[in-house]
Amino acid sequence: MKITKKDVEHVAKLARLKLTEEEKEKFGKQLSRILEYVEKLNELDTDKAEPTSHVVPLKNVMREDKIKPSLPVEEVLANAPVREGKYFKVPKIIE
């Protein structure tokens, strides 16, 4: 598929890019080559290939949750600039 200068200008306008004439030519050629490669991929027989969401099999890599004691409130709030009781106090941002 051949990308025209008009196509490049349209994409540049959508992306809010100002391109020089040389850039329009250069990007037009590059985009055309990319689309030619994608067209070659369409020639592949994929009827027997199973759909996948990932190339490699994934498994849960998260560690198990383990209950353990948390830090004491006084230690957590030791460097708080402002506190109220056992909570951080922050400025009100919503009326």
N, C-alpha and C. Protein backbone atom coordinates (compact mmCIF):
# COMPACT_ATOMS: atom_id res chain seq x y z
N MET A 1 0.85 -1.18 0.00
CA MET A 1 0.00 0.00 0.00
C MET A 1 0.89 1.24 0.00
N LYS A 2 0.63 2.14 -0.88
CA LYS A 2 1.42 3.36 -1.02
C LYS A 2 0.78 4.46 -0.19
N ILE A 3 1.59 5.07 0.66
CA ILE A 3 1.13 6.21 1.46
C ILE A 3 1.42 7.49 0.67
N THR A 4 0.41 8.30 0.49
CA THR A 4 0.58 9.54 -0.26
C THR A 4 0.98 10.68 0.68
N LYS A 5 1.44 11.75 0.07
CA LYS A 5 1.80 12.94 0.85
C LYS A 5 0.57 13.46 1.59
N LYS A 6 -0.59 13.34 0.97
CA LYS A 6 -1.84 13.79 1.59
C LYS A 6 -2.13 12.96 2.84
N ASP A 7 -1.86 11.64 2.79
CA ASP A 7 -2.05 10.78 3.96
C ASP A 7 -1.14 11.22 5.11
N VAL A 8 0.12 11.50 4.78
CA VAL A 8 1.08 11.93 5.80
C VAL A 8 0.64 13.25 6.41
N GLU A 9 0.18 14.17 5.59
CA GLU A 9 -0.29 15.46 6.08
C GLU A 9 -1.49 15.29 7.00
N HIS A 10 -2.38 14.37 6.65
CA HIS A 10 -3.56 14.11 7.47
C HIS A 10 -3.16 13.56 8.85
N VAL A 11 -2.26 12.59 8.86
CA VAL A 11 -1.79 12.00 10.13
C VAL A 11 -1.05 13.06 10.95
N ALA A 12 -0.24 13.87 10.29
CA ALA A 12 0.49 14.93 10.99
C ALA A 12 -0.48 15.93 11.61
N LYS A 13 -1.54 16.24 10.90
CA LYS A 13 -2.54 17.17 11.44
C LYS A 13 -3.22 16.57 12.67
N LEU A 14 -3.58 15.28 12.59
CA LEU A 14 -4.21 14.62 13.74
C LEU A 14 -3.28 14.58 14.95
N ALA A 15 -1.98 14.41 14.69
CA ALA A 15 -0.99 14.34 15.77
C ALA A 15 -0.49 15.73 16.15
N ARG A 16 -1.00 16.74 15.47
CA ARG A 16 -0.60 18.13 15.71
C ARG A 16 0.91 18.32 15.53
N LEU A 17 1.41 17.80 14.42
CA LEU A 17 2.82 17.90 14.08
C LEU A 17 3.00 18.83 12.89
N LYS A 18 4.04 19.63 12.94
CA LYS A 18 4.41 20.43 11.78
C LYS A 18 5.60 19.74 11.13
N LEU A 19 5.40 19.31 9.90
CA LEU A 19 6.46 18.59 9.19
C LEU A 19 6.94 19.42 8.01
N THR A 20 8.24 19.32 7.76
CA THR A 20 8.80 19.96 6.56
C THR A 20 8.47 19.07 5.36
N GLU A 21 8.69 19.59 4.18
CA GLU A 21 8.45 18.81 2.96
C GLU A 21 9.34 17.56 2.93
N GLU A 22 10.59 17.71 3.38
CA GLU A 22 11.51 16.57 3.41
C GLU A 22 11.00 15.50 4.37
N GLU A 23 10.50 15.93 5.52
CA GLU A 23 9.97 14.96 6.50
C GLU A 23 8.74 14.25 5.97
N LYS A 24 7.89 14.97 5.26
CA LYS A 24 6.71 14.35 4.68
C LYS A 24 7.10 13.25 3.70
N GLU A 25 8.11 13.52 2.88
CA GLU A 25 8.59 12.52 1.93
C GLU A 25 9.18 11.32 2.67
N LYS A 26 10.05 11.62 3.63
CA LYS A 26 10.74 10.56 4.39
C LYS A 26 9.74 9.67 5.12
N PHE A 27 8.79 10.30 5.85
CA PHE A 27 7.83 9.52 6.62
C PHE A 27 6.86 8.77 5.72
N GLY A 28 6.53 9.34 4.57
CA GLY A 28 5.67 8.65 3.61
C GLY A 28 6.31 7.36 3.14
N LYS A 29 7.61 7.42 2.82
CA LYS A 29 8.33 6.22 2.39
C LYS A 29 8.40 5.19 3.52
N GLN A 30 8.70 5.66 4.73
CA GLN A 30 8.82 4.74 5.86
C GLN A 30 7.48 4.07 6.17
N LEU A 31 6.41 4.83 6.17
CA LEU A 31 5.09 4.25 6.44
C LEU A 31 4.68 3.27 5.35
N SER A 32 5.02 3.58 4.11
CA SER A 32 4.71 2.65 3.01
C SER A 32 5.43 1.33 3.20
N ARG A 33 6.72 1.38 3.60
CA ARG A 33 7.48 0.15 3.83
C ARG A 33 6.89 -0.66 4.99
N ILE A 34 6.43 0.02 6.02
CA ILE A 34 5.82 -0.68 7.16
C ILE A 34 4.56 -1.40 6.71
N LEU A 35 3.72 -0.72 5.94
CA LEU A 35 2.47 -1.34 5.48
C LEU A 35 2.73 -2.49 4.50
N GLU A 36 3.78 -2.38 3.70
CA GLU A 36 4.15 -3.48 2.80
C GLU A 36 4.53 -4.71 3.61
N TYR A 37 5.26 -4.51 4.69
CA TYR A 37 5.65 -5.63 5.55
C TYR A 37 4.43 -6.28 6.19
N VAL A 38 3.49 -5.46 6.65
CA VAL A 38 2.27 -6.00 7.26
C VAL A 38 1.47 -6.79 6.23
N GLU A 39 1.44 -6.32 5.00
CA GLU A 39 0.74 -7.06 3.94
C GLU A 39 1.38 -8.43 3.71
N LYS A 40 2.71 -8.51 3.83
CA LYS A 40 3.39 -9.81 3.72
C LYS A 40 2.95 -10.75 4.82
N LEU A 41 2.73 -10.21 6.01
CA LEU A 41 2.27 -11.04 7.12
C LEU A 41 0.88 -11.61 6.85
N ASN A 42 0.08 -10.89 6.10
CA ASN A 42 -1.27 -11.38 5.77
C ASN A 42 -1.23 -12.61 4.86
N GLU A 43 -0.09 -12.85 4.21
CA GLU A 43 0.04 -14.01 3.34
C GLU A 43 0.24 -15.31 4.13
N LEU A 44 0.57 -15.21 5.40
CA LEU A 44 0.81 -16.40 6.21
C LEU A 44 -0.48 -17.17 6.46
N ASP A 45 -0.38 -18.49 6.48
CA ASP A 45 -1.52 -19.34 6.78
C ASP A 45 -1.61 -19.49 8.30
N THR A 46 -2.60 -18.86 8.89
CA THR A 46 -2.75 -18.90 10.35
C THR A 46 -3.98 -19.69 10.79
N ASP A 47 -4.53 -20.49 9.88
CA ASP A 47 -5.75 -21.24 10.21
C ASP A 47 -5.54 -22.22 11.36
N LYS A 48 -4.37 -22.84 11.43
CA LYS A 48 -4.12 -23.84 12.45
C LYS A 48 -3.47 -23.28 13.71
N ALA A 49 -3.17 -21.99 13.71
CA ALA A 49 -2.54 -21.36 14.88
C ALA A 49 -3.63 -20.97 15.89
N GLU A 50 -3.43 -21.39 17.13
CA GLU A 50 -4.40 -21.06 18.17
C GLU A 50 -4.20 -19.62 18.63
N PRO A 51 -5.29 -18.92 18.87
CA PRO A 51 -5.16 -17.54 19.35
C PRO A 51 -4.51 -17.51 20.73
N THR A 52 -3.67 -16.53 20.96
CA THR A 52 -3.03 -16.36 22.26
C THR A 52 -3.04 -14.90 22.65
N SER A 53 -2.98 -14.66 23.94
CA SER A 53 -2.85 -13.28 24.40
C SER A 53 -1.40 -12.98 24.75
N HIS A 54 -0.61 -14.04 24.99
CA HIS A 54 0.82 -13.89 25.28
C HIS A 54 1.59 -14.98 24.55
N VAL A 55 2.80 -14.67 24.16
CA VAL A 55 3.62 -15.63 23.44
C VAL A 55 4.10 -16.74 24.37
N VAL A 56 4.44 -16.37 25.60
CA VAL A 56 4.92 -17.36 26.56
C VAL A 56 3.84 -17.59 27.61
N PRO A 57 3.74 -18.81 28.13
CA PRO A 57 2.72 -19.05 29.15
C PRO A 57 3.04 -18.26 30.42
N LEU A 58 2.01 -17.67 30.99
CA LEU A 58 2.18 -16.88 32.21
C LEU A 58 1.61 -17.62 33.39
N LYS A 59 2.20 -17.39 34.54
CA LYS A 59 1.61 -17.90 35.77
C LYS A 59 1.69 -16.79 36.78
N ASN A 60 0.92 -16.91 37.82
CA ASN A 60 0.89 -15.89 38.84
C ASN A 60 2.26 -15.80 39.51
N VAL A 61 2.88 -14.66 39.43
CA VAL A 61 4.21 -14.49 40.00
C VAL A 61 4.15 -13.72 41.32
N MET A 62 2.96 -13.52 41.83
CA MET A 62 2.80 -12.80 43.09
C MET A 62 3.09 -13.74 44.25
N ARG A 63 3.60 -13.18 45.30
CA ARG A 63 3.83 -13.98 46.50
C ARG A 63 2.52 -14.10 47.28
N GLU A 64 2.45 -15.07 48.13
CA GLU A 64 1.26 -15.23 48.96
C GLU A 64 1.21 -14.13 50.01
N ASP A 65 0.01 -13.69 50.33
CA ASP A 65 -0.14 -12.72 51.41
C ASP A 65 0.12 -13.42 52.74
N LYS A 66 0.92 -12.79 53.54
CA LYS A 66 1.19 -13.32 54.88
C LYS A 66 0.84 -12.24 55.89
N ILE A 67 0.05 -12.61 56.86
CA ILE A 67 -0.33 -11.66 57.90
C ILE A 67 0.83 -11.53 58.86
N LYS A 68 1.24 -10.28 59.09
CA LYS A 68 2.29 -10.02 60.06
C LYS A 68 2.01 -8.67 60.72
N PRO A 69 2.56 -8.43 61.85
CA PRO A 69 2.26 -7.18 62.56
C PRO A 69 2.76 -5.96 61.79
N SER A 70 1.99 -4.88 61.86
CA SER A 70 2.39 -3.65 61.19
C SER A 70 3.18 -2.77 62.16
N LEU A 71 3.66 -1.66 61.65
CA LEU A 71 4.43 -0.74 62.49
C LEU A 71 3.53 -0.09 63.54
N PRO A 72 4.07 0.26 64.67
CA PRO A 72 3.28 0.99 65.67
C PRO A 72 2.88 2.37 65.14
N VAL A 73 1.69 2.84 65.51
CA VAL A 73 1.15 4.10 65.02
C VAL A 73 2.11 5.25 65.32
N GLU A 74 2.68 5.30 66.51
CA GLU A 74 3.60 6.38 66.87
C GLU A 74 4.82 6.41 65.95
N GLU A 75 5.32 5.26 65.59
CA GLU A 75 6.49 5.20 64.70
C GLU A 75 6.12 5.66 63.30
N VAL A 76 4.94 5.28 62.83
CA VAL A 76 4.49 5.67 61.50
C VAL A 76 4.30 7.19 61.42
N LEU A 77 3.72 7.77 62.45
CA LEU A 77 3.41 9.20 62.44
C LEU A 77 4.56 10.06 62.96
N ALA A 78 5.68 9.49 63.28
CA ALA A 78 6.79 10.24 63.88
C ALA A 78 7.23 11.41 63.01
N ASN A 79 7.25 11.27 61.70
CA ASN A 79 7.70 12.35 60.81
C ASN A 79 6.56 13.06 60.11
N ALA A 80 5.33 12.83 60.53
CA ALA A 80 4.19 13.49 59.90
C ALA A 80 4.23 14.98 60.20
N PRO A 81 4.09 15.83 59.18
CA PRO A 81 4.12 17.27 59.45
C PRO A 81 2.96 17.72 60.32
N VAL A 82 1.78 17.17 60.08
CA VAL A 82 0.60 17.49 60.88
C VAL A 82 -0.16 16.19 61.11
N ARG A 83 -0.62 16.01 62.32
CA ARG A 83 -1.39 14.81 62.61
C ARG A 83 -2.55 15.16 63.52
N GLU A 84 -3.55 14.30 63.49
CA GLU A 84 -4.71 14.49 64.35
C GLU A 84 -5.01 13.13 64.96
N GLY A 85 -4.74 12.98 66.24
CA GLY A 85 -4.91 11.70 66.89
C GLY A 85 -3.95 10.69 66.29
N LYS A 86 -4.48 9.60 65.80
CA LYS A 86 -3.63 8.58 65.19
C LYS A 86 -3.72 8.58 63.66
N TYR A 87 -3.98 9.76 63.08
CA TYR A 87 -4.12 9.89 61.63
C TYR A 87 -3.26 11.03 61.09
N PHE A 88 -2.89 10.92 59.80
CA PHE A 88 -2.25 12.04 59.12
C PHE A 88 -3.32 13.10 58.86
N LYS A 89 -2.99 14.37 59.01
CA LYS A 89 -3.93 15.43 58.70
C LYS A 89 -3.42 16.15 57.45
N VAL A 90 -4.28 16.22 56.43
CA VAL A 90 -3.91 16.85 55.18
C VAL A 90 -4.87 17.99 54.86
N PRO A 91 -4.45 18.95 54.04
CA PRO A 91 -5.34 20.06 53.73
C PRO A 91 -6.57 19.59 52.95
N LYS A 92 -7.67 20.26 53.20
CA LYS A 92 -8.91 19.96 52.49
C LYS A 92 -8.78 20.46 51.05
N ILE A 93 -9.10 19.61 50.07
CA ILE A 93 -8.99 20.01 48.67
C ILE A 93 -10.32 20.03 47.96
N ILE A 94 -11.34 19.45 48.54
CA ILE A 94 -12.68 19.42 47.93
C ILE A 94 -13.62 20.16 48.87
N GLU A 95 -14.36 21.11 48.29
CA GLU A 95 -15.30 21.88 49.11
C GLU A 95 -16.52 21.07 49.46
